Amino acid sequence: MLLSATTGVPPLAVTSIAAGLRRTPVPLFTVCCLAGRSARFLALGLPALAAT
């Protein structure tokens, strides 16, 4: 889940459905998605902030 949230491979929507089917605990799912997406968006946004 963390790898998917960070890289987008496989798509997070697909792994989210799989996590639901596997009955992944909600707190674990939430932390992994939040950490992964935050890392991804920071990696994409920091170069733009540095350029300005």
Protein backbone atom coordinates (compact mmCIF):
# COMPACT_ATOMS: atom_id res chain seq x y z
CA MET A 1 0.00 0.00 0.00
CA LEU A 2 2.79 2.41 0.90
CA LEU A 3 4.68 1.70 -2.32
CA SER A 4 1.54 2.15 -4.38
CA ALA A 5 0.69 5.43 -2.66
CA THR A 6 4.21 6.74 -3.24
CA THR A 7 4.91 5.62 -6.79
CA GLY A 8 1.49 5.09 -8.30
CA VAL A 9 2.45 1.61 -9.55
CA PRO A 10 0.16 -0.30 -9.21
CA PRO A 11 -2.55 2.36 -9.09
CA LEU A 12 -3.65 3.24 -5.58
CA ALA A 13 -7.31 2.70 -6.50
CA VAL A 14 -6.61 -0.95 -7.34
CA THR A 15 -4.61 -1.61 -4.19
CA SER A 16 -7.28 0.15 -2.11
CA ILE A 17 -9.87 -2.33 -3.34
CA ALA A 18 -7.48 -5.20 -2.62
CA ALA A 19 -6.88 -3.83 0.90
CA GLY A 20 -10.61 -3.81 1.51
CA LEU A 21 -10.96 -7.37 0.32
CA ARG A 22 -8.08 -8.43 2.58
CA ARG A 23 -9.70 -6.56 5.48
CA THR A 24 -6.64 -4.39 6.12
CA PRO A 25 -7.09 -2.46 9.38
CA VAL A 26 -8.34 1.07 8.73
CA PRO A 27 -5.60 2.80 10.80
CA LEU A 28 -2.87 0.94 8.89
CA PHE A 29 -4.49 1.77 5.56
CA THR A 30 -4.86 5.44 6.52
CA VAL A 31 -1.27 5.85 7.72
CA CYS A 32 0.19 4.13 4.64
CA CYS A 33 -1.88 6.18 2.22
CA LEU A 34 -1.24 9.46 4.00
CA ALA A 35 2.51 8.89 4.30
CA GLY A 36 2.88 7.68 0.72
CA ARG A 37 0.82 10.43 -0.88
CA SER A 38 2.53 13.10 1.24
CA ALA A 39 5.96 11.86 0.15
CA ARG A 40 4.87 11.79 -3.49
CA PHE A 41 3.40 15.28 -3.48
CA LEU A 42 6.39 16.71 -1.62
CA ALA A 43 8.76 15.14 -4.13
CA LEU A 44 6.76 16.69 -6.96
CA GLY A 45 6.29 20.08 -5.33
CA LEU A 46 9.67 20.83 -3.81
CA PRO A 47 11.49 21.33 -7.13
CA ALA A 48 8.81 23.81 -8.17
CA LEU A 49 9.23 25.73 -4.92
CA ALA A 50 13.02 25.74 -5.31
CA ALA A 51 12.76 27.17 -8.82
CA THR A 52 10.81 30.24 -7.69
